[in-house]
Every structure is written in structure tokens, then in C-alpha cells.
């Protein structure tokens, strides 16, 4: 078996690693939880949709050289969520072509612990050292105060309102080294 394309990153409390088939149940539970998706499209995913999302992650790494990590708590090894960078080729009214889009989604059991900020700092440090992109962006529902707070801590500042599907979203920008 070859080494995974996804680099393993460590923070004081988390391991960021490749997504594995055995993550399916935790991933399906994550994306099937109304508390999780309330500000991410507003609709829970079926197990099949969650599986499809998991299958995309290795493809991001193979095609783009960046992608999503699965989060594990270092102390327990428990699944804590998914974070990373992507290019989803979104139908968005603001042009983000060629700009890695940051994203984070955490299990409700770990909300409020600062894991999103901790994990995304590791991701962005990796991106700043590895990628050539001059900036990254993130898309956040205007009502998602917790994620807006995380984005600000990570250095995302300039904000635009964009149309994504049938609703408005905020596009926040962070310069390299932000």
C-alpha cells in the first residue's frame, strides 16, 4: 500500500489525517445532524451523500494538491470533524476561481472547544508554506456567528456578499500569511 497523499498535521489537541473508509459512520452522523448543517445548506445529508462527500476528498488531493482532512482528538482518537481547502467550482456570484476555499465542520460534541480555530490554523500554516496561492477564501452563512468568529481569528477580513444558489452567503478573504 502506498503512502497517503494527504499530509498528517498535528496540533496540541488534534491530528489532521486522510479520510478513511472506516470514518463513514462518523461522517454520516456528522452530515446527518441538523445542528451541523443549519448554516451549511440547511439540509441533512443522506448516508449516500455523505459517502459521496468522503469520496471527493482523495480526489481533491490528487487533482489539486490540497484538500480536506479528517480531525481526530489526539487524546482519545475520536472523530471530531473535517477541515481543509477545496475548489468546488461553485456557481457563485463572486469569482473565486483558482482561490482555495477554506472550510470546517465539527461534530457537535466538540463545539465550543476552539478546535475549528486550532485545526484551521494548522491547515493555513501548511497552505502558506506549501501552496502558491496568494490568498484563500471562505464562504459563511451570514447567520453563523460562530464560524464568522473563527474566520476573523484566522485572519479573514475583507467580506463580500455573494449569491450561492438561492441564498446569500458571505465570502471572506485572507491573504497568504494572513
C-alpha atoms as a PDB file:
ATOM      1  CA  UNK A   1       0.000   0.000   0.000  1.00  0.00           C
ATOM      2  CA  UNK A   2       1.336   3.452  -0.901  1.00  0.00           C
ATOM      3  CA  UNK A   3       1.570   6.366   1.477  1.00  0.00           C
ATOM      4  CA  UNK A   4      -1.478   8.637   1.567  1.00  0.00           C
ATOM      5  CA  UNK A   5      -1.371  11.851  -0.455  1.00  0.00           C
ATOM      6  CA  UNK A   6      -2.779  13.778   2.483  1.00  0.00           C
ATOM      7  CA  UNK A   7      -0.047  15.043   4.831  1.00  0.00           C
ATOM      8  CA  UNK A   8      -0.624  14.367   8.509  1.00  0.00           C
ATOM      9  CA  UNK A   9      -0.690  17.506  10.646  1.00  0.00           C
ATOM     10  CA  UNK A  10      -0.628  17.672  14.428  1.00  0.00           C
ATOM     11  CA  UNK A  11      -1.773  20.378  16.807  1.00  0.00           C
ATOM     12  CA  UNK A  12      -1.592  20.180  20.600  1.00  0.00           C
ATOM     13  CA  UNK A  13      -5.027  18.525  20.758  1.00  0.00           C
ATOM     14  CA  UNK A  14      -5.758  17.234  17.251  1.00  0.00           C
ATOM     15  CA  UNK A  15      -4.464  15.048  14.464  1.00  0.00           C
ATOM     16  CA  UNK A  16      -5.439  16.038  10.933  1.00  0.00           C
ATOM     17  CA  UNK A  17      -5.215  12.990   8.664  1.00  0.00           C
ATOM     18  CA  UNK A  18      -6.562  11.469   5.461  1.00  0.00           C
ATOM     19  CA  UNK A  19     -10.168  10.347   5.355  1.00  0.00           C
ATOM     20  CA  UNK A  20     -10.574   6.572   5.577  1.00  0.00           C
ATOM     21  CA  UNK A  21     -13.427   4.223   4.746  1.00  0.00           C
ATOM     22  CA  UNK A  22     -13.835   3.475   8.456  1.00  0.00           C
ATOM     23  CA  UNK A  23     -14.765   7.162   9.001  1.00  0.00           C
ATOM     24  CA  UNK A  24     -18.055   6.593   7.187  1.00  0.00           C
ATOM     25  CA  UNK A  25     -20.358   6.151  10.200  1.00  0.00           C
ATOM     26  CA  UNK A  26     -18.985   9.230  11.953  1.00  0.00           C
ATOM     27  CA  UNK A  27     -19.106  11.239   8.719  1.00  0.00           C
ATOM     28  CA  UNK A  28     -22.694  10.186   8.018  1.00  0.00           C
ATOM     29  CA  UNK A  29     -23.669  11.116  11.584  1.00  0.00           C
ATOM     30  CA  UNK A  30     -21.944  14.496  11.234  1.00  0.00           C
ATOM     31  CA  UNK A  31     -23.641  15.439   7.964  1.00  0.00           C
ATOM     32  CA  UNK A  32     -26.941  13.916   9.081  1.00  0.00           C
ATOM     33  CA  UNK A  33     -27.154  16.209  12.120  1.00  0.00           C
ATOM     34  CA  UNK A  34     -29.455  19.233  11.752  1.00  0.00           C
ATOM     35  CA  UNK A  35     -27.292  21.251  14.180  1.00  0.00           C
ATOM     36  CA  UNK A  36     -24.313  20.797  11.847  1.00  0.00           C
ATOM     37  CA  UNK A  37     -25.987  21.668   8.549  1.00  0.00           C
ATOM     38  CA  UNK A  38     -28.194  24.506   9.809  1.00  0.00           C
ATOM     39  CA  UNK A  39     -25.749  27.031   8.302  1.00  0.00           C
ATOM     40  CA  UNK A  40     -24.324  24.743   5.594  1.00  0.00           C
ATOM     41  CA  UNK A  41     -27.150  24.464   3.122  1.00  0.00           C
ATOM     42  CA  UNK A  42     -29.758  23.727   5.786  1.00  0.00           C
ATOM     43  CA  UNK A  43     -30.450  20.147   4.668  1.00  0.00           C
ATOM     44  CA  UNK A  44     -29.115  16.986   6.262  1.00  0.00           C
ATOM     45  CA  UNK A  45     -27.239  14.596   4.002  1.00  0.00           C
ATOM     46  CA  UNK A  46     -28.283  11.022   3.405  1.00  0.00           C
ATOM     47  CA  UNK A  47     -25.709   8.330   4.140  1.00  0.00           C
ATOM     48  CA  UNK A  48     -25.173   8.007   0.381  1.00  0.00           C
ATOM     49  CA  UNK A  49     -24.490  11.751   0.055  1.00  0.00           C
ATOM     50  CA  UNK A  50     -22.078  11.576   2.983  1.00  0.00           C
ATOM     51  CA  UNK A  51     -20.255   8.703   1.294  1.00  0.00           C
ATOM     52  CA  UNK A  52     -20.015  10.762  -1.905  1.00  0.00           C
ATOM     53  CA  UNK A  53     -18.551  13.667   0.062  1.00  0.00           C
ATOM     54  CA  UNK A  54     -15.943  11.344   1.580  1.00  0.00           C
ATOM     55  CA  UNK A  55     -15.016  10.052  -1.877  1.00  0.00           C
ATOM     56  CA  UNK A  56     -14.349  13.617  -3.067  1.00  0.00           C
ATOM     57  CA  UNK A  57     -11.619  14.202  -0.501  1.00  0.00           C
ATOM     58  CA  UNK A  58      -8.933  11.948  -2.057  1.00  0.00           C
ATOM     59  CA  UNK A  59      -9.818  13.420  -5.454  1.00  0.00           C
ATOM     60  CA  UNK A  60      -9.142  16.944  -4.231  1.00  0.00           C
ATOM     61  CA  UNK A  61      -5.685  15.909  -3.074  1.00  0.00           C
ATOM     62  CA  UNK A  62      -4.908  14.009  -6.274  1.00  0.00           C
ATOM     63  CA  UNK A  63      -6.084  16.768  -8.618  1.00  0.00           C
ATOM     64  CA  UNK A  64      -5.228  19.944  -6.710  1.00  0.00           C
ATOM     65  CA  UNK A  65      -2.501  19.050  -4.224  1.00  0.00           C
ATOM     66  CA  UNK A  66      -4.720  20.193  -1.361  1.00  0.00           C
ATOM     67  CA  UNK A  67      -7.992  19.069   0.129  1.00  0.00           C
ATOM     68  CA  UNK A  68      -9.765  18.052   3.311  1.00  0.00           C
ATOM     69  CA  UNK A  69      -8.510  16.357   6.436  1.00  0.00           C
ATOM     70  CA  UNK A  70     -10.394  14.301   8.991  1.00  0.00           C
ATOM     71  CA  UNK A  71      -9.919  15.528  12.556  1.00  0.00           C
ATOM     72  CA  UNK A  72      -9.205  13.201  15.442  1.00  0.00           C
ATOM     73  CA  UNK A  73      -8.796  14.142  19.054  1.00  0.00           C
ATOM     74  CA  UNK A  74      -5.239  13.162  19.951  1.00  0.00           C
ATOM     75  CA  UNK A  75      -6.100  12.078  23.470  1.00  0.00           C
ATOM     76  CA  UNK A  76      -8.984   9.762  22.539  1.00  0.00           C
ATOM     77  CA  UNK A  77      -8.640   9.123  18.796  1.00  0.00           C
ATOM     78  CA  UNK A  78     -12.290  10.140  18.432  1.00  0.00           C
ATOM     79  CA  UNK A  79     -13.596  11.649  15.187  1.00  0.00           C
ATOM     80  CA  UNK A  80     -14.015  15.404  15.662  1.00  0.00           C
ATOM     81  CA  UNK A  81     -14.888  16.691  12.189  1.00  0.00           C
ATOM     82  CA  UNK A  82     -13.479  17.673   8.811  1.00  0.00           C
ATOM     83  CA  UNK A  83     -11.447  20.711   7.756  1.00  0.00           C
ATOM     84  CA  UNK A  84      -9.475  21.797   4.747  1.00  0.00           C
ATOM     85  CA  UNK A  85      -9.223  23.608   1.459  1.00  0.00           C
ATOM     86  CA  UNK A  86     -11.043  22.894  -1.789  1.00  0.00           C
ATOM     87  CA  UNK A  87     -12.075  24.129  -5.175  1.00  0.00           C
ATOM     88  CA  UNK A  88     -15.695  23.047  -5.554  1.00  0.00           C
ATOM     89  CA  UNK A  89     -16.254  25.002  -8.806  1.00  0.00           C
ATOM     90  CA  UNK A  90     -19.221  26.697  -7.148  1.00  0.00           C
ATOM     91  CA  UNK A  91     -21.903  28.610  -9.012  1.00  0.00           C
ATOM     92  CA  UNK A  92     -21.246  31.780  -7.061  1.00  0.00           C
ATOM     93  CA  UNK A  93     -21.906  35.410  -8.000  1.00  0.00           C
ATOM     94  CA  UNK A  94     -18.399  36.373  -6.778  1.00  0.00           C
ATOM     95  CA  UNK A  95     -15.468  34.932  -8.725  1.00  0.00           C
ATOM     96  CA  UNK A  96     -13.300  32.679  -6.543  1.00  0.00           C
ATOM     97  CA  UNK A  97     -11.696  30.837  -9.466  1.00  0.00           C
ATOM     98  CA  UNK A  98      -8.285  29.464  -8.519  1.00  0.00           C
ATOM     99  CA  UNK A  99      -8.593  30.520  -4.877  1.00  0.00           C
ATOM    100  CA  UNK A 100      -8.500  27.683  -2.323  1.00  0.00           C
ATOM    101  CA  UNK A 101     -11.722  27.769  -0.311  1.00  0.00           C
ATOM    102  CA  UNK A 102     -11.294  27.034   3.396  1.00  0.00           C
ATOM    103  CA  UNK A 103     -13.947  25.070   5.228  1.00  0.00           C
ATOM    104  CA  UNK A 104     -14.536  23.484   8.596  1.00  0.00           C
ATOM    105  CA  UNK A 105     -17.266  21.346  10.069  1.00  0.00           C
ATOM    106  CA  UNK A 106     -17.078  19.893  13.557  1.00  0.00           C
ATOM    107  CA  UNK A 107     -19.069  17.348  15.485  1.00  0.00           C
ATOM    108  CA  UNK A 108     -21.482  18.972  17.935  1.00  0.00           C
ATOM    109  CA  UNK A 109     -19.800  17.051  20.772  1.00  0.00           C
ATOM    110  CA  UNK A 110     -16.685  19.219  20.328  1.00  0.00           C
ATOM    111  CA  UNK A 111     -18.312  22.585  19.599  1.00  0.00           C
ATOM    112  CA  UNK A 112     -17.044  25.438  21.745  1.00  0.00           C
ATOM    113  CA  UNK A 113     -13.590  23.933  22.429  1.00  0.00           C
ATOM    114  CA  UNK A 114     -11.653  26.010  19.904  1.00  0.00           C
ATOM    115  CA  UNK A 115     -10.924  23.009  17.677  1.00  0.00           C
ATOM    116  CA  UNK A 116     -12.009  24.746  14.465  1.00  0.00           C
ATOM    117  CA  UNK A 117      -9.562  27.594  15.011  1.00  0.00           C
ATOM    118  CA  UNK A 118      -6.768  25.252  16.122  1.00  0.00           C
ATOM    119  CA  UNK A 119      -7.216  22.905  13.166  1.00  0.00           C
ATOM    120  CA  UNK A 120      -7.607  25.634  10.570  1.00  0.00           C
ATOM    121  CA  UNK A 121      -4.510  27.444  11.835  1.00  0.00           C
ATOM    122  CA  UNK A 122      -2.578  24.251  11.086  1.00  0.00           C
ATOM    123  CA  UNK A 123      -4.222  23.992   7.652  1.00  0.00           C
ATOM    124  CA  UNK A 124      -3.469  27.618   6.780  1.00  0.00           C
ATOM    125  CA  UNK A 125       0.102  27.381   8.070  1.00  0.00           C
ATOM    126  CA  UNK A 126       0.546  24.329   5.827  1.00  0.00           C
ATOM    127  CA  UNK A 127      -1.066  26.185   2.891  1.00  0.00           C
ATOM    128  CA  UNK A 128       1.088  29.280   3.368  1.00  0.00           C
ATOM    129  CA  UNK A 129       4.226  27.102   3.348  1.00  0.00           C
ATOM    130  CA  UNK A 130       3.162  24.766   0.528  1.00  0.00           C
ATOM    131  CA  UNK A 131       0.774  26.383  -1.932  1.00  0.00           C
ATOM    132  CA  UNK A 132       1.442  29.213  -4.349  1.00  0.00           C
ATOM    133  CA  UNK A 133      -1.973  30.837  -3.912  1.00  0.00           C
ATOM    134  CA  UNK A 134      -1.726  34.468  -2.823  1.00  0.00           C
ATOM    135  CA  UNK A 135      -4.937  34.208  -0.799  1.00  0.00           C
ATOM    136  CA  UNK A 136      -7.667  31.888   0.404  1.00  0.00           C
ATOM    137  CA  UNK A 137     -11.358  32.496   0.903  1.00  0.00           C
ATOM    138  CA  UNK A 138     -14.155  31.016   2.958  1.00  0.00           C
ATOM    139  CA  UNK A 139     -17.925  31.072   2.479  1.00  0.00           C
ATOM    140  CA  UNK A 140     -20.048  31.554   5.580  1.00  0.00           C
ATOM    141  CA  UNK A 141     -23.774  31.902   6.108  1.00  0.00           C
ATOM    142  CA  UNK A 142     -24.424  35.424   7.475  1.00  0.00           C
ATOM    143  CA  UNK A 143     -26.236  33.907  10.473  1.00  0.00           C
ATOM    144  CA  UNK A 144     -23.350  31.660  11.514  1.00  0.00           C
ATOM    145  CA  UNK A 145     -21.793  33.809  14.233  1.00  0.00           C
ATOM    146  CA  UNK A 146     -19.528  31.008  15.500  1.00  0.00           C
ATOM    147  CA  UNK A 147     -17.891  30.435  12.095  1.00  0.00           C
ATOM    148  CA  UNK A 148     -17.597  34.173  11.466  1.00  0.00           C
ATOM    149  CA  UNK A 149     -15.719  34.394  14.765  1.00  0.00           C
ATOM    150  CA  UNK A 150     -13.399  31.546  13.726  1.00  0.00           C
ATOM    151  CA  UNK A 151     -12.781  33.216  10.357  1.00  0.00           C
ATOM    152  CA  UNK A 152     -11.824  36.512  11.998  1.00  0.00           C
ATOM    153  CA  UNK A 153      -9.387  34.713  14.346  1.00  0.00           C
ATOM    154  CA  UNK A 154      -7.807  33.096  11.279  1.00  0.00           C
ATOM    155  CA  UNK A 155      -7.240  36.437   9.560  1.00  0.00           C
ATOM    156  CA  UNK A 156     -10.194  36.512   7.149  1.00  0.00           C
ATOM    157  CA  UNK A 157     -11.169  40.161   6.777  1.00  0.00           C
ATOM    158  CA  UNK A 158     -12.438  41.549   3.503  1.00  0.00           C
ATOM    159  CA  UNK A 159     -16.040  40.485   3.146  1.00  0.00           C
ATOM    160  CA  UNK A 160     -18.348  40.409   0.139  1.00  0.00           C
ATOM    161  CA  UNK A 161     -21.933  39.244  -0.092  1.00  0.00           C
ATOM    162  CA  UNK A 162     -22.472  36.697  -2.833  1.00  0.00           C
ATOM    163  CA  UNK A 163     -25.330  34.656  -4.195  1.00  0.00           C
ATOM    164  CA  UNK A 164     -24.936  30.870  -3.830  1.00  0.00           C
ATOM    165  CA  UNK A 165     -27.893  29.033  -5.258  1.00  0.00           C
ATOM    166  CA  UNK A 166     -30.988  30.699  -3.867  1.00  0.00           C
ATOM    167  CA  UNK A 167     -29.449  32.359  -0.816  1.00  0.00           C
ATOM    168  CA  UNK A 168     -26.876  34.952   0.182  1.00  0.00           C
ATOM    169  CA  UNK A 169     -23.537  33.961   1.652  1.00  0.00           C
ATOM    170  CA  UNK A 170     -20.525  35.903   2.817  1.00  0.00           C
ATOM    171  CA  UNK A 171     -17.181  35.497   1.057  1.00  0.00           C
ATOM    172  CA  UNK A 172     -14.264  36.365   3.325  1.00  0.00           C
ATOM    173  CA  UNK A 173     -10.685  36.728   2.091  1.00  0.00           C
ATOM    174  CA  UNK A 174      -7.344  36.061   3.768  1.00  0.00           C
ATOM    175  CA  UNK A 175      -4.014  36.997   2.192  1.00  0.00           C
ATOM    176  CA  UNK A 176      -1.165  34.480   2.265  1.00  0.00           C
ATOM    177  CA  UNK A 177       0.457  34.653   5.704  1.00  0.00           C
ATOM    178  CA  UNK A 178      -2.720  36.410   6.840  1.00  0.00           C
END
